[in-house]
Each structure stands twice: as C-alpha cells, then as structure tokens.
Protein backbone atom coordinates (compact mmCIF):
# COMPACT_ATOMS: atom_id res chain seq x y z
CA MET A 1 0.03 0.03 -0.02
CA PRO A 2 1.18 3.63 -0.51
CA LEU A 3 3.40 5.37 1.98
CA ILE A 4 2.02 8.76 3.18
CA ALA A 5 3.79 11.45 4.73
CA SER A 6 1.95 14.71 6.04
CA ALA A 7 3.85 18.03 5.88
CA ASP A 8 2.44 18.46 9.49
CA THR A 9 4.18 15.25 10.81
CA ALA A 10 7.35 15.58 8.94
CA ARG A 11 7.87 18.99 10.34
CA ALA A 12 9.13 17.43 13.45
CA ASN A 13 12.18 15.80 11.54
CA ARG A 14 13.44 19.30 10.36
CA ARG A 15 17.37 19.51 11.13
CA ARG A 16 20.24 21.57 10.10
CA GLY A 17 22.75 19.88 7.97
CA THR A 18 25.93 20.60 6.04
CA ALA A 19 26.92 18.70 2.79
CA ALA A 20 30.48 17.50 1.95
CA ASP A 21 31.10 20.59 -0.19
CA GLY A 22 30.22 22.89 2.72
CA VAL A 23 26.78 23.95 1.94
CA SER A 24 24.43 24.40 4.70
CA PHE A 25 20.57 23.79 4.78
CA TRP A 26 17.62 22.67 6.70
CA HIS A 27 16.73 18.99 6.10
CA THR A 28 13.27 17.56 6.68
CA LEU A 29 13.02 13.71 6.30
CA TYR A 30 9.56 12.58 4.98
CA LEU A 31 10.04 8.83 3.97
CA GLY A 32 12.80 6.44 4.33
CA THR A 33 16.14 7.48 5.82
CA SER A 34 19.26 9.43 4.73
CA ARG A 35 22.84 9.67 5.70
CA TYR A 36 21.90 12.81 7.95
CA ASN A 37 19.71 10.72 10.19
CA MET A 38 21.16 7.25 10.19
CA PRO A 39 22.73 6.02 13.42
CA PRO A 40 26.52 5.26 13.07
CA GLY A 41 27.15 1.77 12.05
CA THR A 42 23.86 1.34 10.35
CA PRO A 43 24.52 -0.77 7.14
CA ASP A 44 23.11 0.54 3.79
CA PRO A 45 20.20 -0.93 2.12
CA ALA A 46 21.06 -2.91 -0.97
CA ALA A 47 21.60 -0.58 -3.91
CA ASP A 48 19.20 -2.50 -6.19
CA ALA A 49 16.30 -2.68 -3.57
CA LEU A 50 13.26 -0.65 -3.81
CA PHE A 51 13.59 1.82 -1.02
CA PRO A 52 11.80 5.15 -1.10
CA MET A 53 13.61 8.15 0.23
CA ALA A 54 11.99 11.47 0.40
CA PHE A 55 13.13 14.67 2.03
CA LEU A 56 12.81 18.54 1.77
CA VAL A 57 15.97 20.59 1.38
CA GLU A 58 15.73 24.30 2.23
CA GLN A 59 19.07 25.57 0.79
CA ASP A 60 20.60 28.56 2.44
CA PRO A 61 20.48 31.89 0.55
CA GLY A 62 23.37 32.66 -1.62
CA SER A 63 24.85 29.11 -1.42
CA THR A 64 26.04 27.01 -4.28
CA ALA A 65 25.85 23.23 -4.23
CA GLN A 66 28.38 21.90 -6.45
CA SER A 67 27.80 19.67 -9.42
CA HIS A 68 27.58 15.99 -8.39
CA PHE A 69 25.98 12.67 -9.05
CA HIS A 70 24.16 9.88 -7.29
CA GLN A 71 23.88 6.09 -7.60
CA GLN A 72 20.14 6.27 -7.98
CA ASP A 73 17.46 7.92 -10.16
CA GLN A 74 16.22 10.97 -8.77
CA PHE A 75 13.34 13.55 -8.98
CA GLN A 76 13.80 17.02 -7.62
CA LEU A 77 10.76 19.19 -7.18
CA VAL A 78 11.32 22.99 -6.48
CA VAL A 79 8.66 24.26 -4.12
CA GLY A 80 10.04 27.44 -2.72
CA GLY A 81 12.56 30.33 -3.24
CA SER A 82 14.30 30.47 -6.59
CA GLY A 83 17.84 29.84 -7.98
CA THR A 84 19.44 27.92 -10.94
CA LEU A 85 19.94 24.30 -11.44
CA GLY A 86 22.76 23.88 -14.02
CA LEU A 87 21.60 25.95 -16.93
CA HIS A 88 18.00 26.12 -15.72
CA ASP A 89 16.21 28.83 -13.76
CA VAL A 90 14.22 27.22 -11.16
CA ARG A 91 11.41 28.47 -8.91
CA PRO A 92 7.94 26.93 -7.79
CA VAL A 93 7.06 24.66 -9.44
CA THR A 94 9.88 23.04 -11.29
CA VAL A 95 10.30 19.25 -11.88
CA HIS A 96 13.80 17.97 -12.48
CA PHE A 97 14.83 14.32 -13.22
CA THR A 98 18.32 12.96 -13.18
CA GLY A 99 19.09 9.16 -14.02
CA ALA A 100 21.51 7.25 -11.96
CA HIS A 101 25.18 8.19 -12.42
CA THR A 102 24.28 11.57 -14.16
CA ALA A 103 26.24 14.56 -13.12
CA TYR A 104 24.06 17.65 -12.65
CA GLY A 105 24.29 21.21 -11.11
CA PRO A 106 25.45 23.32 -9.63
CA ILE A 107 22.46 24.33 -7.65
CA LYS A 108 22.92 28.03 -6.87
CA ALA A 109 20.29 29.59 -4.39
CA SER A 110 18.90 33.01 -4.54
CA THR A 111 20.44 35.52 -2.19
CA ASP A 112 17.03 36.46 -0.73
CA LYS A 113 14.99 33.44 0.19
CA GLY A 114 17.32 30.46 -0.97
CA VAL A 115 15.76 27.60 -2.78
CA TRP A 116 13.64 24.81 -1.39
CA TYR A 117 13.31 21.30 -3.25
CA PHE A 118 12.02 17.85 -2.55
CA THR A 119 14.74 15.16 -3.28
CA LEU A 120 12.63 11.89 -4.21
CA ARG A 121 14.35 8.58 -4.79
CA ASN A 122 13.16 4.96 -5.10
CA GLY A 123 16.48 3.42 -3.88
CA PHE A 124 18.95 4.07 -1.17
CA ASP A 125 21.71 6.62 -1.92
CA PRO A 126 24.67 7.12 0.38
CA GLY A 127 24.99 10.66 -0.61
CA ALA A 128 26.40 12.94 -3.34
CA LYS A 129 29.66 12.40 -5.10
CA PHE A 130 31.00 15.78 -6.09
CA MET A 131 32.69 16.40 -9.52
CA THR A 132 35.36 18.47 -7.81
CA LYS A 133 37.06 15.24 -6.57
CA PRO A 134 39.13 13.50 -9.26
CA GLU A 135 38.22 10.04 -7.84
CA ASN A 136 34.53 10.55 -8.41
CA ARG A 137 35.06 11.72 -11.97
CA ALA A 138 37.20 8.62 -12.64
CA GLU A 139 34.46 6.54 -10.98
CA LEU A 140 31.72 8.07 -13.37
CA ARG A 141 33.93 7.46 -16.40
CA ALA A 142 34.36 3.73 -15.43
CA ILE A 143 30.70 2.77 -15.35
CA PRO A 144 29.98 0.45 -18.21
CA GLY A 145 27.03 1.57 -20.36
CA ARG A 146 26.53 4.91 -18.44
CA ARG A 147 24.59 7.44 -20.25
CA HIS A 148 23.70 11.03 -19.15
CA ARG A 149 20.02 11.50 -18.54
CA GLU A 150 18.28 14.62 -17.45
CA ALA A 151 14.94 16.13 -18.02
CA VAL A 152 13.33 19.37 -16.65
CA ALA A 153 9.83 20.87 -16.72
CA GLY A 154 9.10 24.34 -15.54
CA PRO A 155 8.85 26.71 -13.89
CA LEU A 156 5.37 25.80 -14.51
CA ALA A 157 2.72 28.57 -15.46
CA PRO A 158 -0.52 28.46 -13.50
CA PRO A 159 -2.53 25.47 -14.45
CA THR A 160 -5.31 25.84 -17.27
CA VAL A 161 -6.35 22.17 -17.48
CA PRO A 162 -7.09 19.59 -15.01
CA THR A 163 -4.43 17.19 -16.01
CA GLU A 164 -1.37 17.66 -17.99
CA THR A 165 1.66 15.72 -18.84
CA LEU A 166 4.90 17.42 -17.82
CA LEU A 167 7.76 14.79 -18.84
CA GLY A 168 7.44 11.73 -20.91
CA PRO A 169 6.12 9.29 -20.85
CA GLU A 170 9.25 7.49 -21.82
CA PRO A 171 9.43 4.02 -23.24
CA ASP A 172 10.85 2.84 -19.86
CA GLY A 173 7.78 4.59 -18.02
CA MET A 174 9.59 7.89 -16.76
CA SER A 175 6.88 10.43 -16.59
CA ALA A 176 5.55 13.35 -14.56
CA TRP A 177 2.10 14.79 -14.51
CA ARG A 178 0.27 17.94 -12.91
CA TYR A 179 -3.31 17.55 -11.57
CA ALA A 180 -5.28 20.76 -10.63
CA LEU A 181 -8.77 20.11 -9.39
CA PRO A 182 -11.60 21.84 -7.66
CA PRO A 183 -12.90 20.83 -4.15
CA GLY A 184 -14.20 17.27 -4.09
CA ALA A 185 -12.89 16.11 -7.42
CA ARG A 186 -11.47 12.66 -7.41
CA ILE A 187 -8.00 11.79 -8.75
CA THR A 188 -7.15 8.26 -10.15
CA GLY A 189 -3.55 8.14 -11.02
CA PRO A 190 -1.86 6.21 -13.83
CA ASP A 191 -1.14 2.43 -13.52
CA PRO A 192 1.93 2.28 -11.34
CA ALA A 193 3.05 -1.15 -12.87
CA THR A 194 4.19 1.00 -15.84
CA GLY A 195 7.19 2.29 -13.81
CA ARG A 196 9.36 1.59 -10.69
CA GLY A 197 7.36 3.63 -8.23
CA GLN A 198 5.59 7.07 -8.15
CA TYR A 199 5.80 10.04 -5.89
CA TRP A 200 2.77 12.44 -5.47
CA VAL A 201 3.51 15.97 -3.83
CA VAL A 202 0.93 18.34 -3.02
CA THR A 203 2.04 21.87 -4.19
CA SER A 204 -1.15 23.88 -3.54
CA GLY A 205 -4.35 23.16 -1.58
CA ASP A 206 -4.92 20.01 0.18
CA LEU A 207 -5.68 16.32 -0.51
CA LEU A 208 -7.82 13.64 1.19
CA CYS A 209 -6.07 10.31 0.93
CA GLY A 210 -6.58 7.03 2.84
CA GLY A 211 -8.71 8.91 5.24
CA GLU A 212 -6.05 11.55 6.16
CA ALA A 213 -5.96 15.06 5.08
CA LEU A 214 -2.66 16.03 3.48
CA PRO A 215 -1.81 19.83 3.37
CA ARG A 216 0.48 21.58 0.89
CA LEU A 217 4.03 19.91 0.86
CA SER A 218 2.74 16.48 1.95
CA CYS A 219 3.74 13.53 -0.24
CA ALA A 220 2.88 9.83 -0.91
CA PHE A 221 4.93 7.02 -2.58
CA VAL A 222 2.90 4.39 -4.53
CA TYR A 223 4.65 0.95 -5.11
CA PRO A 224 4.67 -0.54 -8.65
CA ASP A 225 2.34 -3.41 -7.42
CA ASP A 226 -0.17 -0.90 -5.63
CA ALA A 227 -3.45 -0.05 -7.25
CA PRO A 228 -3.56 3.41 -8.91
CA PHE A 229 -3.27 6.27 -6.63
CA ASP A 230 -6.69 7.34 -5.50
CA ALA A 231 -7.58 10.61 -3.54
CA VAL A 232 -10.03 13.53 -3.48
CA ALA A 233 -9.23 17.15 -3.65
CA GLY A 234 -9.89 18.93 -0.25
CA THR A 235 -11.88 22.04 0.57
CA ASP A 236 -9.48 24.42 -0.98
CA GLY A 237 -9.09 22.29 -4.16
CA VAL A 238 -5.65 20.87 -4.98
CA GLU A 239 -2.61 21.03 -7.23
CA VAL A 240 -0.49 17.80 -6.96
CA ILE A 241 2.56 16.71 -8.98
CA ALA A 242 2.99 12.96 -9.87
CA MET A 243 6.35 11.71 -10.72
CA GLN A 244 7.02 8.13 -11.91
CA PHE A 245 10.50 6.42 -11.95
CA PRO A 246 11.82 4.41 -14.98
CA LEU A 247 11.70 0.55 -14.98
CA ARG A 248 15.16 -0.96 -14.78
CA PRO A 249 16.56 -3.07 -17.70
CA HIS A 250 16.15 -6.80 -17.09
C-alpha cells in the first residue's frame, strides 16, 4: 500500500545539515532514511532494492551546491525560493529528473530566500559524489554503459487544464504529471505497474487520501504493485505533481 507523509508530521524531523561541499541547509525527512539521520554503523540498504527516500531541502540563501551525481534515479521538485540548477532557472513549481550516475548542477540558491526542493528517490543513496574530486570523476567514467539522462519541466505557469503531462512518458515509464482540481474532485492516477514507483506531492491546496487530510508539501509514494493512486481534492482544491520512475532493464 502507498506510503503517506503529511507535511505536518514531517515538520518534527526538520534539522540543520551541512553537505560535503560545505553548503548548509535545513533537511526535513519525509520517507525512508538518509545519511543525515542514520545511526552510526547502520548498514546501507542494498543499492538494487526498492527503497523510497523523500526529504525536503531548504538550501541557504546565496549558497551553491557543487555539481555531483548519485547512484540512484532521482526527482527534484522545487517548491520554494528560486535559483538555478545547471543552466535552468528554477522556482516553484519546477520538476527535475536525473538518471543514476548522471552529473548535474551546480544548484545556486537566490540571495534572498534560498531555494527549497524535494529530493525523491526509489532506492537508497549514500550521498552526493562531487565532481570536484578526481576519484569521483574517474568512477563516473568507469561505469559501463553509463549515459547522461536529465529532464526538466518548468517553472510551470498556472494550470489551465485539470491534468497535463509534464515529462514523458518515456518508453521505460519515466513520466511526470500535474493535476489541478476543484474541491471534491477525485484523482485516479496512472497504472503504477508501468514504472518503478510514483511520488505524489501536494504543491497547493490539500488532498484527502486514505482517510487522511494532506496539506501543502505532503507526499505519498506508490509502489509498482499498488493499485492506482486514489484521492480526493480537499476543501481548497488541490494542485499535485505526480512523478514516476523508470523501469530498470532486465
């Protein structure tokens, strides 16, 4: 069944963090775990296991996170502030996808409000590998069959239709959609079996899901063998972004 994380509940997990490149930020864990809250000595989950990780980063104003890569596929969803991500201007709402072992960035936060973004993964990742280190560049070059994979949608204009496709759908299932619905309208998501997990993030209004009211900046993870995501727009209506990970080659 889906994993659900209310923004109200997740707020208790908000902590200060500092990345290996020296950038400081607020880190709020929603689902899974990360290296910022794992007890020392905890073994990493298997890299090929389906392991949802979701957290919100509030990157400090004026800071720059250096270009890096991860071992997992990843969506990032910009929900506050503004800045640049590589060559892209980002502000709410921007969807960014990078495939595993794809270097991206830098992420430069604006000097007034910084930049806020969800980091969403379907597998455990031990942390960023920065391209400023020669050993990380060498590791990336040595990965057989590696290809650079990156896609971005946004910053999005205000919605004009109830449902729209933002990314894809790619042959392996990688996709992203936006739903913008009035109070009481029902959402039935795409078949999750076409990808390797879906995240749903409330970017405006509220959503009723599984008997729980989910305010803005709440999220849910839908497993590939779950039924399609089913929810109802709350009393203020809702805007929600759905992001589906690609299937892995057999």
